[in-house]
């Protein structure tokens, strides 16, 4: 995956998809700064993973986009602290 955060174009209406997901999972959490932090793209340019931090350290709501099809495939919770508990940045989450 390549970091394309700085140069990525808007392909889909991300917030139309994410607003109801955020409401369901986080009850909007209005005090939280909901924003895209990282965008990664497959080397062949077919898929993007758009990562929005959630109110838990080192955790992201990751939306998968079919770039040529210009559609959202789905989402998942990416908990880096759980995946990499021995990483130095995850130590303060314990």
N, C-alpha and C. Protein backbone atom coordinates (compact mmCIF):
# COMPACT_ATOMS: atom_id res chain seq x y z
N UNK A 1 0.85 -1.18 0.00
CA UNK A 1 0.00 0.00 0.00
C UNK A 1 0.89 1.24 0.00
N UNK A 2 0.47 2.23 -0.75
CA UNK A 2 1.20 3.49 -0.86
C UNK A 2 0.45 4.60 -0.15
N UNK A 3 1.16 5.44 0.57
CA UNK A 3 0.54 6.58 1.24
C UNK A 3 0.27 7.66 0.19
N UNK A 4 -1.00 7.91 -0.11
CA UNK A 4 -1.39 8.93 -1.09
C UNK A 4 -2.17 10.07 -0.44
N UNK A 5 -2.03 10.19 0.87
CA UNK A 5 -2.81 11.17 1.64
C UNK A 5 -2.72 12.57 1.05
N UNK A 6 -1.53 13.01 0.73
CA UNK A 6 -1.35 14.39 0.27
C UNK A 6 -1.93 14.65 -1.11
N UNK A 7 -1.90 13.68 -2.00
CA UNK A 7 -2.32 13.94 -3.38
C UNK A 7 -3.61 13.27 -3.81
N UNK A 8 -4.31 12.62 -2.88
CA UNK A 8 -5.51 11.87 -3.25
C UNK A 8 -6.67 12.80 -3.63
N UNK A 9 -7.37 12.41 -4.68
CA UNK A 9 -8.58 13.12 -5.08
C UNK A 9 -9.79 12.49 -4.38
N UNK A 10 -10.84 13.28 -4.19
CA UNK A 10 -12.08 12.75 -3.63
C UNK A 10 -12.78 11.93 -4.70
N UNK A 11 -12.97 10.65 -4.42
CA UNK A 11 -13.54 9.72 -5.39
C UNK A 11 -15.00 9.42 -5.09
N UNK A 12 -15.33 9.36 -3.81
CA UNK A 12 -16.69 9.02 -3.36
C UNK A 12 -17.15 10.04 -2.34
N UNK A 13 -18.44 10.04 -2.05
CA UNK A 13 -18.98 10.89 -1.00
C UNK A 13 -18.79 10.17 0.33
N UNK A 14 -17.60 10.30 0.88
CA UNK A 14 -17.20 9.59 2.08
C UNK A 14 -18.14 9.84 3.26
N UNK A 15 -18.49 11.09 3.50
CA UNK A 15 -19.26 11.42 4.70
C UNK A 15 -20.71 10.98 4.59
N UNK A 16 -21.25 10.88 3.40
CA UNK A 16 -22.60 10.33 3.24
C UNK A 16 -22.61 8.87 3.71
N UNK A 17 -21.52 8.17 3.48
CA UNK A 17 -21.39 6.79 3.94
C UNK A 17 -21.06 6.73 5.44
N UNK A 18 -20.09 7.55 5.87
CA UNK A 18 -19.58 7.45 7.24
C UNK A 18 -20.51 8.02 8.30
N UNK A 19 -21.25 9.06 8.01
CA UNK A 19 -22.10 9.66 9.04
C UNK A 19 -23.00 8.65 9.74
N UNK A 20 -23.75 7.79 9.01
CA UNK A 20 -24.57 6.81 9.72
C UNK A 20 -23.75 5.74 10.45
N UNK A 21 -22.57 5.40 9.91
CA UNK A 21 -21.69 4.42 10.57
C UNK A 21 -21.20 5.01 11.89
N UNK A 22 -20.76 6.25 11.86
CA UNK A 22 -20.28 6.92 13.07
C UNK A 22 -21.41 7.04 14.09
N UNK A 23 -22.59 7.39 13.64
CA UNK A 23 -23.75 7.50 14.54
C UNK A 23 -24.02 6.16 15.22
N UNK A 24 -23.97 5.08 14.44
CA UNK A 24 -24.24 3.75 14.97
C UNK A 24 -23.15 3.29 15.94
N UNK A 25 -21.89 3.46 15.57
CA UNK A 25 -20.79 2.96 16.38
C UNK A 25 -20.38 3.88 17.52
N UNK A 26 -20.48 5.19 17.28
CA UNK A 26 -19.93 6.15 18.25
C UNK A 26 -20.94 7.21 18.68
N UNK A 27 -22.19 7.05 18.28
CA UNK A 27 -23.26 7.99 18.63
C UNK A 27 -22.84 9.43 18.35
N UNK A 28 -22.23 9.60 17.17
CA UNK A 28 -21.73 10.87 16.65
C UNK A 28 -20.53 11.41 17.40
N UNK A 29 -20.47 11.21 18.70
CA UNK A 29 -19.34 11.68 19.51
C UNK A 29 -18.96 13.09 19.05
N UNK A 30 -19.87 14.01 19.25
CA UNK A 30 -19.75 15.36 18.69
C UNK A 30 -18.50 16.11 19.14
N UNK A 31 -17.92 15.73 20.25
CA UNK A 31 -16.71 16.42 20.71
C UNK A 31 -15.47 15.95 19.95
N UNK A 32 -15.60 14.90 19.15
CA UNK A 32 -14.46 14.33 18.43
C UNK A 32 -14.26 15.05 17.11
N UNK A 33 -13.01 15.17 16.69
CA UNK A 33 -12.65 15.81 15.42
C UNK A 33 -12.66 14.75 14.32
N UNK A 34 -13.81 14.56 13.68
CA UNK A 34 -13.97 13.55 12.63
C UNK A 34 -13.34 14.09 11.34
N UNK A 35 -12.26 13.43 10.89
CA UNK A 35 -11.56 13.87 9.69
C UNK A 35 -10.74 12.71 9.13
N UNK A 36 -10.42 12.80 7.88
CA UNK A 36 -9.54 11.81 7.25
C UNK A 36 -8.11 12.11 7.68
N UNK A 37 -7.42 11.08 8.16
CA UNK A 37 -6.03 11.29 8.57
C UNK A 37 -5.05 10.69 7.56
N UNK A 38 -5.35 9.49 7.05
CA UNK A 38 -4.46 8.82 6.12
C UNK A 38 -5.27 8.18 5.00
N UNK A 39 -4.70 8.18 3.81
CA UNK A 39 -5.27 7.46 2.68
C UNK A 39 -4.16 6.61 2.07
N UNK A 40 -4.42 5.32 2.00
CA UNK A 40 -3.47 4.39 1.39
C UNK A 40 -4.11 3.77 0.15
N UNK A 41 -3.29 3.55 -0.86
CA UNK A 41 -3.79 3.02 -2.12
C UNK A 41 -2.97 1.79 -2.51
N UNK A 42 -3.67 0.79 -3.08
CA UNK A 42 -2.96 -0.40 -3.56
C UNK A 42 -2.01 0.01 -4.69
N UNK A 43 -0.97 -0.74 -4.87
CA UNK A 43 0.04 -0.40 -5.88
C UNK A 43 -0.53 -0.35 -7.28
N UNK A 44 -1.59 -1.14 -7.54
CA UNK A 44 -2.20 -1.12 -8.88
C UNK A 44 -3.24 -0.02 -9.04
N UNK A 45 -3.47 0.76 -7.97
CA UNK A 45 -4.41 1.88 -8.04
C UNK A 45 -5.87 1.48 -7.99
N UNK A 46 -6.16 0.22 -7.70
CA UNK A 46 -7.54 -0.27 -7.72
C UNK A 46 -8.31 0.06 -6.44
N UNK A 47 -7.63 0.11 -5.30
CA UNK A 47 -8.34 0.29 -4.02
C UNK A 47 -7.67 1.34 -3.16
N UNK A 48 -8.49 2.05 -2.41
CA UNK A 48 -8.00 2.97 -1.39
C UNK A 48 -8.57 2.54 -0.04
N UNK A 49 -7.77 2.74 1.00
CA UNK A 49 -8.22 2.58 2.37
C UNK A 49 -8.14 3.97 2.99
N UNK A 50 -9.28 4.53 3.30
CA UNK A 50 -9.36 5.88 3.86
C UNK A 50 -9.53 5.72 5.37
N UNK A 51 -8.60 6.28 6.13
CA UNK A 51 -8.56 6.06 7.58
C UNK A 51 -8.93 7.32 8.36
N UNK A 52 -9.96 7.16 9.18
CA UNK A 52 -10.47 8.23 10.03
C UNK A 52 -10.25 7.81 11.48
N UNK A 53 -9.49 8.59 12.26
CA UNK A 53 -9.28 8.23 13.66
C UNK A 53 -10.59 8.26 14.44
N UNK A 54 -10.70 7.33 15.39
CA UNK A 54 -11.89 7.26 16.26
C UNK A 54 -11.46 7.57 17.68
N UNK A 55 -12.41 7.76 18.60
CA UNK A 55 -12.04 8.11 19.98
C UNK A 55 -11.43 6.96 20.79
N UNK A 56 -10.41 6.33 20.24
CA UNK A 56 -9.62 5.31 20.94
C UNK A 56 -8.22 5.39 20.33
N UNK A 57 -7.20 5.48 21.17
CA UNK A 57 -5.82 5.63 20.68
C UNK A 57 -5.46 4.58 19.65
N UNK A 58 -4.78 5.03 18.60
CA UNK A 58 -4.26 4.16 17.54
C UNK A 58 -5.33 3.29 16.88
N UNK A 59 -6.53 3.83 16.76
CA UNK A 59 -7.64 3.09 16.16
C UNK A 59 -8.29 3.97 15.10
N UNK A 60 -8.64 3.34 13.98
CA UNK A 60 -9.19 4.05 12.83
C UNK A 60 -10.42 3.34 12.28
N UNK A 61 -11.33 4.11 11.78
CA UNK A 61 -12.43 3.60 10.98
C UNK A 61 -11.91 3.66 9.55
N UNK A 62 -11.70 2.49 8.96
CA UNK A 62 -11.07 2.41 7.64
C UNK A 62 -12.13 2.05 6.60
N UNK A 63 -12.26 2.90 5.60
CA UNK A 63 -13.24 2.72 4.53
C UNK A 63 -12.50 2.26 3.28
N UNK A 64 -12.98 1.17 2.68
CA UNK A 64 -12.36 0.62 1.48
C UNK A 64 -13.13 1.12 0.26
N UNK A 65 -12.38 1.70 -0.67
CA UNK A 65 -12.98 2.27 -1.88
C UNK A 65 -12.46 1.54 -3.11
N UNK A 66 -13.39 1.15 -3.97
CA UNK A 66 -13.06 0.62 -5.30
C UNK A 66 -12.83 1.86 -6.16
N UNK A 67 -11.57 2.18 -6.42
CA UNK A 67 -11.25 3.43 -7.09
C UNK A 67 -11.76 3.48 -8.53
N UNK A 68 -11.51 2.47 -9.39
CA UNK A 68 -12.03 2.54 -10.76
C UNK A 68 -13.58 2.56 -10.80
N UNK A 69 -14.20 1.81 -9.87
CA UNK A 69 -15.66 1.77 -9.82
C UNK A 69 -16.28 2.95 -9.11
N UNK A 70 -15.43 3.76 -8.47
CA UNK A 70 -15.87 4.95 -7.74
C UNK A 70 -16.99 4.63 -6.76
N UNK A 71 -16.76 3.53 -5.96
CA UNK A 71 -17.78 3.14 -4.97
C UNK A 71 -17.11 2.61 -3.71
N UNK A 72 -17.82 2.72 -2.62
CA UNK A 72 -17.35 2.23 -1.32
C UNK A 72 -17.72 0.75 -1.22
N UNK A 73 -16.74 -0.06 -0.85
CA UNK A 73 -16.96 -1.50 -0.69
C UNK A 73 -17.44 -1.81 0.72
N UNK A 74 -16.89 -1.12 1.71
CA UNK A 74 -17.25 -1.36 3.10
C UNK A 74 -16.27 -0.68 4.03
N UNK A 75 -16.30 -1.09 5.28
CA UNK A 75 -15.42 -0.50 6.28
C UNK A 75 -15.05 -1.54 7.33
N UNK A 76 -14.04 -1.22 8.11
CA UNK A 76 -13.64 -2.05 9.25
C UNK A 76 -12.97 -1.15 10.27
N UNK A 77 -12.85 -1.66 11.49
CA UNK A 77 -12.14 -0.94 12.55
C UNK A 77 -10.70 -1.46 12.55
N UNK A 78 -9.76 -0.56 12.37
CA UNK A 78 -8.34 -0.89 12.38
C UNK A 78 -7.77 -0.46 13.73
N UNK A 79 -7.55 -1.43 14.61
CA UNK A 79 -7.02 -1.17 15.95
C UNK A 79 -5.54 -1.53 15.96
N UNK A 80 -4.70 -0.56 15.69
CA UNK A 80 -3.26 -0.80 15.61
C UNK A 80 -2.66 -1.19 16.95
N UNK A 81 -3.22 -0.68 18.03
CA UNK A 81 -2.74 -1.05 19.37
C UNK A 81 -2.95 -2.53 19.65
N UNK A 82 -4.06 -3.08 19.20
CA UNK A 82 -4.33 -4.51 19.39
C UNK A 82 -3.49 -5.36 18.44
N UNK A 83 -3.30 -4.88 17.21
CA UNK A 83 -2.51 -5.62 16.23
C UNK A 83 -1.03 -5.63 16.56
N UNK A 84 -0.53 -4.52 17.11
CA UNK A 84 0.90 -4.38 17.38
C UNK A 84 1.12 -3.92 18.82
N UNK A 85 0.78 -4.77 19.80
CA UNK A 85 0.85 -4.33 21.21
C UNK A 85 2.25 -4.01 21.69
N UNK A 86 3.28 -4.54 21.03
CA UNK A 86 4.65 -4.30 21.47
C UNK A 86 5.29 -3.08 20.81
N UNK A 87 4.55 -2.43 19.92
CA UNK A 87 5.08 -1.24 19.25
C UNK A 87 5.17 -0.11 20.28
N UNK A 88 6.23 0.68 20.24
CA UNK A 88 6.41 1.77 21.22
C UNK A 88 5.24 2.74 21.30
N UNK A 89 4.58 3.04 20.17
CA UNK A 89 3.46 3.98 20.20
C UNK A 89 2.24 3.38 20.87
N UNK A 90 2.14 2.06 20.95
CA UNK A 90 0.99 1.41 21.57
C UNK A 90 1.16 1.29 23.09
N UNK A 91 2.37 1.48 23.58
CA UNK A 91 2.65 1.29 25.01
C UNK A 91 1.83 2.21 25.89
N UNK A 92 1.58 3.43 25.47
CA UNK A 92 0.83 4.36 26.32
C UNK A 92 -0.67 4.05 26.33
N UNK A 93 -1.12 3.13 25.49
CA UNK A 93 -2.54 2.79 25.43
C UNK A 93 -2.93 1.74 26.48
N UNK A 94 -1.95 1.08 27.05
CA UNK A 94 -2.25 -0.02 27.96
C UNK A 94 -2.90 0.42 29.23
